Amino acid sequence: MDATVTAKGQITLPKSARQHLGLQAGDRVRVFLHPDGGVVLLPVLPASALRGMLKPRCGPVTIDDMTEAVAAGAVARFRGSQQ
């Protein structure tokens, strides 16, 4: 599939490419330049698009659980540095 670069350096992605990437008018894309000269376009997704991608392994975690885990990690790190 081909696209033409305008005098302003802009291109219009062909409809099939926009559909493949799930792009709508106003969406943003990230451009990756590879050393071999290749270019990759990927849609920029909002953080909300990540919701639900990871399933919790043990259910909800409370603030107390997190505080306890951080404290345990700090103690383990401190004891490891004392040896």
PDB file of N, CA and C in Angstrom:
ATOM      1  N   MET A   1       0.852  -1.158   0.000  1.00  0.00           N
ATOM      2  CA  MET A   1       0.000   0.000   0.000  1.00  0.00           C
ATOM      3  C   MET A   1       0.903   1.229   0.000  1.00  0.00           C
ATOM      4  N   ASP A   2       0.516   2.235  -0.715  1.00  0.00           N
ATOM      5  CA  ASP A   2       1.317   3.436  -0.877  1.00  0.00           C
ATOM      6  C   ASP A   2       0.608   4.635  -0.264  1.00  0.00           C
ATOM      7  N   ALA A   3       1.402   5.624   0.128  1.00  0.00           N
ATOM      8  CA  ALA A   3       0.886   6.909   0.592  1.00  0.00           C
ATOM      9  C   ALA A   3       1.830   7.976   0.056  1.00  0.00           C
ATOM     10  N   THR A   4       1.316   9.178  -0.156  1.00  0.00           N
ATOM     11  CA  THR A   4       2.102  10.274  -0.705  1.00  0.00           C
ATOM     12  C   THR A   4       2.423  11.279   0.392  1.00  0.00           C
ATOM     13  N   VAL A   5       3.650  11.767   0.416  1.00  0.00           N
ATOM     14  CA  VAL A   5       4.070  12.788   1.367  1.00  0.00           C
ATOM     15  C   VAL A   5       3.754  14.154   0.750  1.00  0.00           C
ATOM     16  N   THR A   6       3.071  15.016   1.503  1.00  0.00           N
ATOM     17  CA  THR A   6       2.739  16.356   1.012  1.00  0.00           C
ATOM     18  C   THR A   6       3.917  17.296   1.204  1.00  0.00           C
ATOM     19  N   ALA A   7       3.805  18.513   0.688  1.00  0.00           N
ATOM     20  CA  ALA A   7       4.860  19.525   0.841  1.00  0.00           C
ATOM     21  C   ALA A   7       5.092  19.858   2.320  1.00  0.00           C
ATOM     22  N   LYS A   8       4.067  19.666   3.153  1.00  0.00           N
ATOM     23  CA  LYS A   8       4.203  19.916   4.596  1.00  0.00           C
ATOM     24  C   LYS A   8       4.757  18.706   5.346  1.00  0.00           C
ATOM     25  N   GLY A   9       5.073  17.636   4.629  1.00  0.00           N
ATOM     26  CA  GLY A   9       5.608  16.436   5.266  1.00  0.00           C
ATOM     27  C   GLY A   9       4.552  15.543   5.868  1.00  0.00           C
ATOM     28  N   GLN A  10       3.307  15.713   5.483  1.00  0.00           N
ATOM     29  CA  GLN A  10       2.217  14.913   6.030  1.00  0.00           C
ATOM     30  C   GLN A  10       1.859  13.791   5.069  1.00  0.00           C
ATOM     31  N   ILE A  11       1.337  12.701   5.638  1.00  0.00           N
ATOM     32  CA  ILE A  11       0.810  11.617   4.814  1.00  0.00           C
ATOM     33  C   ILE A  11      -0.583  11.270   5.328  1.00  0.00           C
ATOM     34  N   THR A  12      -1.391  10.715   4.463  1.00  0.00           N
ATOM     35  CA  THR A  12      -2.682  10.174   4.859  1.00  0.00           C
ATOM     36  C   THR A  12      -2.552   8.665   4.842  1.00  0.00           C
ATOM     37  N   LEU A  13      -2.840   8.049   5.994  1.00  0.00           N
ATOM     38  CA  LEU A  13      -2.780   6.590   6.044  1.00  0.00           C
ATOM     39  C   LEU A  13      -3.958   6.031   5.256  1.00  0.00           C
ATOM     40  N   PRO A  14      -3.702   5.055   4.429  1.00  0.00           N
ATOM     41  CA  PRO A  14      -4.805   4.428   3.707  1.00  0.00           C
ATOM     42  C   PRO A  14      -5.841   3.847   4.684  1.00  0.00           C
ATOM     43  N   LYS A  15      -7.080   3.799   4.238  1.00  0.00           N
ATOM     44  CA  LYS A  15      -8.180   3.333   5.073  1.00  0.00           C
ATOM     45  C   LYS A  15      -7.907   1.954   5.668  1.00  0.00           C
ATOM     46  N   SER A  16      -7.338   1.061   4.874  1.00  0.00           N
ATOM     47  CA  SER A  16      -7.083  -0.296   5.380  1.00  0.00           C
ATOM     48  C   SER A  16      -6.073  -0.280   6.537  1.00  0.00           C
ATOM     49  N   ALA A  17      -5.083   0.627   6.482  1.00  0.00           N
ATOM     50  CA  ALA A  17      -4.102   0.744   7.576  1.00  0.00           C
ATOM     51  C   ALA A  17      -4.770   1.319   8.818  1.00  0.00           C
ATOM     52  N   ARG A  18      -5.621   2.335   8.655  1.00  0.00           N
ATOM     53  CA  ARG A  18      -6.330   2.918   9.792  1.00  0.00           C
ATOM     54  C   ARG A  18      -7.241   1.881  10.450  1.00  0.00           C
ATOM     55  N   GLN A  19      -7.928   1.095   9.630  1.00  0.00           N
ATOM     56  CA  GLN A  19      -8.804   0.052  10.179  1.00  0.00           C
ATOM     57  C   GLN A  19      -7.978  -1.009  10.911  1.00  0.00           C
ATOM     58  N   HIS A  20      -6.861  -1.397  10.334  1.00  0.00           N
ATOM     59  CA  HIS A  20      -6.003  -2.415  10.948  1.00  0.00           C
ATOM     60  C   HIS A  20      -5.511  -1.964  12.325  1.00  0.00           C
ATOM     61  N   LEU A  21      -5.170  -0.676  12.441  1.00  0.00           N
ATOM     62  CA  LEU A  21      -4.682  -0.126  13.712  1.00  0.00           C
ATOM     63  C   LEU A  21      -5.813   0.317  14.634  1.00  0.00           C
ATOM     64  N   GLY A  22      -7.050   0.290  14.135  1.00  0.00           N
ATOM     65  CA  GLY A  22      -8.189   0.721  14.942  1.00  0.00           C
ATOM     66  C   GLY A  22      -8.197   2.221  15.180  1.00  0.00           C
ATOM     67  N   LEU A  23      -7.698   3.004  14.220  1.00  0.00           N
ATOM     68  CA  LEU A  23      -7.577   4.448  14.380  1.00  0.00           C
ATOM     69  C   LEU A  23      -8.834   5.168  13.912  1.00  0.00           C
ATOM     70  N   GLN A  24      -9.181   6.202  14.646  1.00  0.00           N
ATOM     71  CA  GLN A  24     -10.277   7.098  14.300  1.00  0.00           C
ATOM     72  C   GLN A  24      -9.690   8.494  14.123  1.00  0.00           C
ATOM     73  N   ALA A  25     -10.455   9.398  13.544  1.00  0.00           N
ATOM     74  CA  ALA A  25     -10.013  10.785  13.382  1.00  0.00           C
ATOM     75  C   ALA A  25      -9.630  11.364  14.743  1.00  0.00           C
ATOM     76  N   GLY A  26      -8.485  12.000  14.819  1.00  0.00           N
ATOM     77  CA  GLY A  26      -8.013  12.616  16.059  1.00  0.00           C
ATOM     78  C   GLY A  26      -7.151  11.717  16.917  1.00  0.00           C
ATOM     79  N   ASP A  27      -7.098  10.411  16.620  1.00  0.00           N
ATOM     80  CA  ASP A  27      -6.232   9.502  17.389  1.00  0.00           C
ATOM     81  C   ASP A  27      -4.773   9.843  17.127  1.00  0.00           C
ATOM     82  N   ARG A  28      -3.934   9.476  18.078  1.00  0.00           N
ATOM     83  CA  ARG A  28      -2.503   9.726  17.948  1.00  0.00           C
ATOM     84  C   ARG A  28      -1.786   8.399  17.666  1.00  0.00           C
ATOM     85  N   VAL A  29      -0.667   8.492  16.964  1.00  0.00           N
ATOM     86  CA  VAL A  29       0.166   7.315  16.705  1.00  0.00           C
ATOM     87  C   VAL A  29       1.579   7.597  17.182  1.00  0.00           C
ATOM     88  N   ARG A  30       2.269   6.557  17.580  1.00  0.00           N
ATOM     89  CA  ARG A  30       3.673   6.656  17.968  1.00  0.00           C
ATOM     90  C   ARG A  30       4.484   6.096  16.812  1.00  0.00           C
ATOM     91  N   VAL A  31       5.565   6.790  16.462  1.00  0.00           N
ATOM     92  CA  VAL A  31       6.422   6.400  15.342  1.00  0.00           C
ATOM     93  C   VAL A  31       7.732   5.875  15.901  1.00  0.00           C
ATOM     94  N   PHE A  32       8.092   4.659  15.507  1.00  0.00           N
ATOM     95  CA  PHE A  32       9.361   4.052  15.907  1.00  0.00           C
ATOM     96  C   PHE A  32      10.252   3.933  14.673  1.00  0.00           C
ATOM     97  N   LEU A  33      11.459   4.479  14.762  1.00  0.00           N
ATOM     98  CA  LEU A  33      12.419   4.415  13.665  1.00  0.00           C
ATOM     99  C   LEU A  33      13.450   3.343  13.984  1.00  0.00           C
ATOM    100  N   HIS A  34      13.623   2.397  13.089  1.00  0.00           N
ATOM    101  CA  HIS A  34      14.574   1.315  13.292  1.00  0.00           C
ATOM    102  C   HIS A  34      15.865   1.615  12.546  1.00  0.00           C
ATOM    103  N   PRO A  35      17.007   1.152  13.082  1.00  0.00           N
ATOM    104  CA  PRO A  35      18.300   1.407  12.448  1.00  0.00           C
ATOM    105  C   PRO A  35      18.381   0.892  11.009  1.00  0.00           C
ATOM    106  N   ASP A  36      17.610  -0.135  10.686  1.00  0.00           N
ATOM    107  CA  ASP A  36      17.662  -0.696   9.324  1.00  0.00           C
ATOM    108  C   ASP A  36      16.862   0.148   8.326  1.00  0.00           C
ATOM    109  N   GLY A  37      16.262   1.255   8.802  1.00  0.00           N
ATOM    110  CA  GLY A  37      15.495   2.123   7.926  1.00  0.00           C
ATOM    111  C   GLY A  37      14.000   1.895   7.988  1.00  0.00           C
ATOM    112  N   GLY A  38      13.573   0.866   8.695  1.00  0.00           N
ATOM    113  CA  GLY A  38      12.147   0.587   8.816  1.00  0.00           C
ATOM    114  C   GLY A  38      11.461   1.552   9.773  1.00  0.00           C
ATOM    115  N   VAL A  39      10.175   1.707   9.602  1.00  0.00           N
ATOM    116  CA  VAL A  39       9.360   2.568  10.451  1.00  0.00           C
ATOM    117  C   VAL A  39       8.150   1.768  10.910  1.00  0.00           C
ATOM    118  N   VAL A  40       7.812   1.897  12.188  1.00  0.00           N
ATOM    119  CA  VAL A  40       6.645   1.214  12.743  1.00  0.00           C
ATOM    120  C   VAL A  40       5.721   2.259  13.345  1.00  0.00           C
ATOM    121  N   LEU A  41       4.443   2.177  13.027  1.00  0.00           N
ATOM    122  CA  LEU A  41       3.421   3.047  13.608  1.00  0.00           C
ATOM    123  C   LEU A  41       2.552   2.216  14.534  1.00  0.00           C
ATOM    124  N   LEU A  42       2.348   2.704  15.751  1.00  0.00           N
ATOM    125  CA  LEU A  42       1.446   2.042  16.688  1.00  0.00           C
ATOM    126  C   LEU A  42       0.516   3.082  17.281  1.00  0.00           C
ATOM    127  N   PRO A  43      -0.730   2.722  17.526  1.00  0.00           N
ATOM    128  CA  PRO A  43      -1.640   3.679  18.140  1.00  0.00           C
ATOM    129  C   PRO A  43      -1.210   3.980  19.572  1.00  0.00           C
ATOM    130  N   VAL A  44      -1.352   5.235  19.980  1.00  0.00           N
ATOM    131  CA  VAL A  44      -1.105   5.619  21.367  1.00  0.00           C
ATOM    132  C   VAL A  44      -2.400   5.370  22.115  1.00  0.00           C
ATOM    133  N   LEU A  45      -2.342   4.484  23.082  1.00  0.00           N
ATOM    134  CA  LEU A  45      -3.541   4.100  23.821  1.00  0.00           C
ATOM    135  C   LEU A  45      -3.592   4.832  25.153  1.00  0.00           C
ATOM    136  N   PRO A  46      -4.773   5.261  25.577  1.00  0.00           N
ATOM    137  CA  PRO A  46      -4.892   5.878  26.904  1.00  0.00           C
ATOM    138  C   PRO A  46      -4.686   4.811  27.978  1.00  0.00           C
ATOM    139  N   ALA A  47      -4.288   5.229  29.150  1.00  0.00           N
ATOM    140  CA  ALA A  47      -4.065   4.288  30.252  1.00  0.00           C
ATOM    141  C   ALA A  47      -5.316   3.461  30.534  1.00  0.00           C
ATOM    142  N   SER A  48      -6.486   4.029  30.295  1.00  0.00           N
ATOM    143  CA  SER A  48      -7.732   3.306  30.555  1.00  0.00           C
ATOM    144  C   SER A  48      -7.860   2.067  29.675  1.00  0.00           C
ATOM    145  N   ALA A  49      -7.147   2.029  28.552  1.00  0.00           N
ATOM    146  CA  ALA A  49      -7.203   0.866  27.671  1.00  0.00           C
ATOM    147  C   ALA A  49      -6.545  -0.353  28.318  1.00  0.00           C
ATOM    148  N   LEU A  50      -5.712  -0.115  29.340  1.00  0.00           N
ATOM    149  CA  LEU A  50      -5.030  -1.222  30.027  1.00  0.00           C
ATOM    150  C   LEU A  50      -5.911  -1.887  31.072  1.00  0.00           C
ATOM    151  N   ARG A  51      -7.003  -1.221  31.420  1.00  0.00           N
ATOM    152  CA  ARG A  51      -7.888  -1.740  32.468  1.00  0.00           C
ATOM    153  C   ARG A  51      -8.361  -3.155  32.114  1.00  0.00           C
ATOM    154  N   GLY A  52      -8.178  -4.055  33.064  1.00  0.00           N
ATOM    155  CA  GLY A  52      -8.648  -5.413  32.896  1.00  0.00           C
ATOM    156  C   GLY A  52      -7.678  -6.350  32.196  1.00  0.00           C
ATOM    157  N   MET A  53      -6.511  -5.844  31.773  1.00  0.00           N
ATOM    158  CA  MET A  53      -5.547  -6.709  31.083  1.00  0.00           C
ATOM    159  C   MET A  53      -4.928  -7.735  32.031  1.00  0.00           C
ATOM    160  N   LEU A  54      -4.695  -7.322  33.268  1.00  0.00           N
ATOM    161  CA  LEU A  54      -4.106  -8.221  34.250  1.00  0.00           C
ATOM    162  C   LEU A  54      -5.175  -8.645  35.244  1.00  0.00           C
ATOM    163  N   LYS A  55      -5.217  -9.907  35.509  1.00  0.00           N
ATOM    164  CA  LYS A  55      -6.187 -10.422  36.457  1.00  0.00           C
ATOM    165  C   LYS A  55      -5.506 -10.576  37.815  1.00  0.00           C
ATOM    166  N   PRO A  56      -6.156 -10.122  38.894  1.00  0.00           N
ATOM    167  CA  PRO A  56      -5.548 -10.264  40.222  1.00  0.00           C
ATOM    168  C   PRO A  56      -5.385 -11.740  40.577  1.00  0.00           C
ATOM    169  N   ARG A  57      -4.275 -12.041  41.233  1.00  0.00           N
ATOM    170  CA  ARG A  57      -3.996 -13.434  41.607  1.00  0.00           C
ATOM    171  C   ARG A  57      -4.579 -13.781  42.961  1.00  0.00           C
ATOM    172  N   CYS A  58      -4.780 -12.775  43.794  1.00  0.00           N
ATOM    173  CA  CYS A  58      -5.220 -13.095  45.155  1.00  0.00           C
ATOM    174  C   CYS A  58      -6.345 -12.190  45.637  1.00  0.00           C
ATOM    175  N   GLY A  59      -7.026 -11.533  44.762  1.00  0.00           N
ATOM    176  CA  GLY A  59      -8.104 -10.654  45.166  1.00  0.00           C
ATOM    177  C   GLY A  59      -7.592  -9.268  45.519  1.00  0.00           C
ATOM    178  N   PRO A  60      -8.476  -8.424  46.032  1.00  0.00           N
ATOM    179  CA  PRO A  60      -8.099  -7.051  46.366  1.00  0.00           C
ATOM    180  C   PRO A  60      -7.029  -7.001  47.450  1.00  0.00           C
ATOM    181  N   VAL A  61      -6.181  -5.991  47.363  1.00  0.00           N
ATOM    182  CA  VAL A  61      -5.117  -5.802  48.352  1.00  0.00           C
ATOM    183  C   VAL A  61      -5.411  -4.501  49.080  1.00  0.00           C
ATOM    184  N   THR A  62      -5.334  -4.549  50.410  1.00  0.00           N
ATOM    185  CA  THR A  62      -5.606  -3.355  51.210  1.00  0.00           C
ATOM    186  C   THR A  62      -4.334  -2.528  51.369  1.00  0.00           C
ATOM    187  N   ILE A  63      -4.503  -1.292  51.818  1.00  0.00           N
ATOM    188  CA  ILE A  63      -3.362  -0.421  52.118  1.00  0.00           C
ATOM    189  C   ILE A  63      -2.493  -1.063  53.199  1.00  0.00           C
ATOM    190  N   ASP A  64      -3.130  -1.682  54.187  1.00  0.00           N
ATOM    191  CA  ASP A  64      -2.367  -2.351  55.253  1.00  0.00           C
ATOM    192  C   ASP A  64      -1.521  -3.490  54.684  1.00  0.00           C
ATOM    193  N   ASP A  65      -2.085  -4.252  53.743  1.00  0.00           N
ATOM    194  CA  ASP A  65      -1.325  -5.330  53.101  1.00  0.00           C
ATOM    195  C   ASP A  65      -0.103  -4.770  52.383  1.00  0.00           C
ATOM    196  N   MET A  66      -0.313  -3.652  51.657  1.00  0.00           N
ATOM    197  CA  MET A  66       0.796  -3.046  50.915  1.00  0.00           C
ATOM    198  C   MET A  66       1.867  -2.516  51.870  1.00  0.00           C
ATOM    199  N   THR A  67       1.446  -1.865  52.954  1.00  0.00           N
ATOM    200  CA  THR A  67       2.391  -1.333  53.940  1.00  0.00           C
ATOM    201  C   THR A  67       3.210  -2.462  54.546  1.00  0.00           C
ATOM    202  N   GLU A  68       2.548  -3.552  54.867  1.00  0.00           N
ATOM    203  CA  GLU A  68       3.227  -4.713  55.448  1.00  0.00           C
ATOM    204  C   GLU A  68       4.239  -5.310  54.467  1.00  0.00           C
ATOM    205  N   ALA A  69       3.874  -5.408  53.195  1.00  0.00           N
ATOM    206  CA  ALA A  69       4.778  -5.953  52.182  1.00  0.00           C
ATOM    207  C   ALA A  69       5.987  -5.045  51.979  1.00  0.00           C
ATOM    208  N   VAL A  70       5.776  -3.738  51.969  1.00  0.00           N
ATOM    209  CA  VAL A  70       6.894  -2.795  51.818  1.00  0.00           C
ATOM    210  C   VAL A  70       7.830  -2.903  53.016  1.00  0.00           C
ATOM    211  N   ALA A  71       7.271  -2.966  54.223  1.00  0.00           N
ATOM    212  CA  ALA A  71       8.093  -3.081  55.426  1.00  0.00           C
ATOM    213  C   ALA A  71       8.900  -4.372  55.408  1.00  0.00           C
ATOM    214  N   ALA A  72       8.271  -5.468  55.008  1.00  0.00           N
ATOM    215  CA  ALA A  72       8.980  -6.753  54.951  1.00  0.00           C
ATOM    216  C   ALA A  72      10.114  -6.688  53.931  1.00  0.00           C
ATOM    217  N   GLY A  73       9.869  -6.059  52.796  1.00  0.00           N
ATOM    218  CA  GLY A  73      10.921  -5.919  51.784  1.00  0.00           C
ATOM    219  C   GLY A  73      12.061  -5.053  52.273  1.00  0.00           C
ATOM    220  N   ALA A  74      11.740  -3.991  53.004  1.00  0.00           N
ATOM    221  CA  ALA A  74      12.777  -3.105  53.536  1.00  0.00           C
ATOM    222  C   ALA A  74      13.633  -3.840  54.559  1.00  0.00           C
ATOM    223  N   VAL A  75      13.001  -4.613  55.421  1.00  0.00           N
ATOM    224  CA  VAL A  75      13.742  -5.385  56.426  1.00  0.00           C
ATOM    225  C   VAL A  75      14.652  -6.401  55.735  1.00  0.00           C
ATOM    226  N   ALA A  76      14.130  -7.099  54.739  1.00  0.00           N
ATOM    227  CA  ALA A  76      14.935  -8.096  54.019  1.00  0.00           C
ATOM    228  C   ALA A  76      16.127  -7.437  53.335  1.00  0.00           C
ATOM    229  N   ARG A  77      15.913  -6.278  52.722  1.00  0.00           N
ATOM    230  CA  ARG A  77      17.009  -5.576  52.054  1.00  0.00           C
ATOM    231  C   ARG A  77      18.048  -5.116  53.066  1.00  0.00           C
ATOM    232  N   PHE A  78      17.597  -4.593  54.203  1.00  0.00           N
ATOM    233  CA  PHE A  78      18.508  -4.124  55.248  1.00  0.00           C
ATOM    234  C   PHE A  78      19.344  -5.284  55.788  1.00  0.00           C
ATOM    235  N   ARG A  79      18.693  -6.410  56.055  1.00  0.00           N
ATOM    236  CA  ARG A  79      19.425  -7.578  56.580  1.00  0.00           C
ATOM    237  C   ARG A  79      20.422  -8.095  55.545  1.00  0.00           C
ATOM    238  N   GLY A  80      20.055  -8.044  54.264  1.00  0.00           N
ATOM    239  CA  GLY A  80      20.970  -8.482  53.211  1.00  0.00           C
ATOM    240  C   GLY A  80      22.184  -7.588  53.100  1.00  0.00           C
ATOM    241  N   SER A  81      22.043  -6.291  53.396  1.00  0.00           N
ATOM    242  CA  SER A  81      23.176  -5.362  53.286  1.00  0.00           C
ATOM    243  C   SER A  81      24.097  -5.458  54.496  1.00  0.00           C
ATOM    244  N   GLN A  82      23.638  -6.102  55.557  1.00  0.00           N
ATOM    245  CA  GLN A  82      24.444  -6.224  56.781  1.00  0.00           C
ATOM    246  C   GLN A  82      25.397  -7.415  56.712  1.00  0.00           C
ATOM    247  N   GLN A  83      25.239  -8.261  55.730  1.00  0.00           N
ATOM    248  CA  GLN A  83      26.079  -9.478  55.652  1.00  0.00           C
ATOM    249  C   GLN A  83      27.328  -9.224  54.855  1.00  0.00           C
TER     250      GLN A  83
END
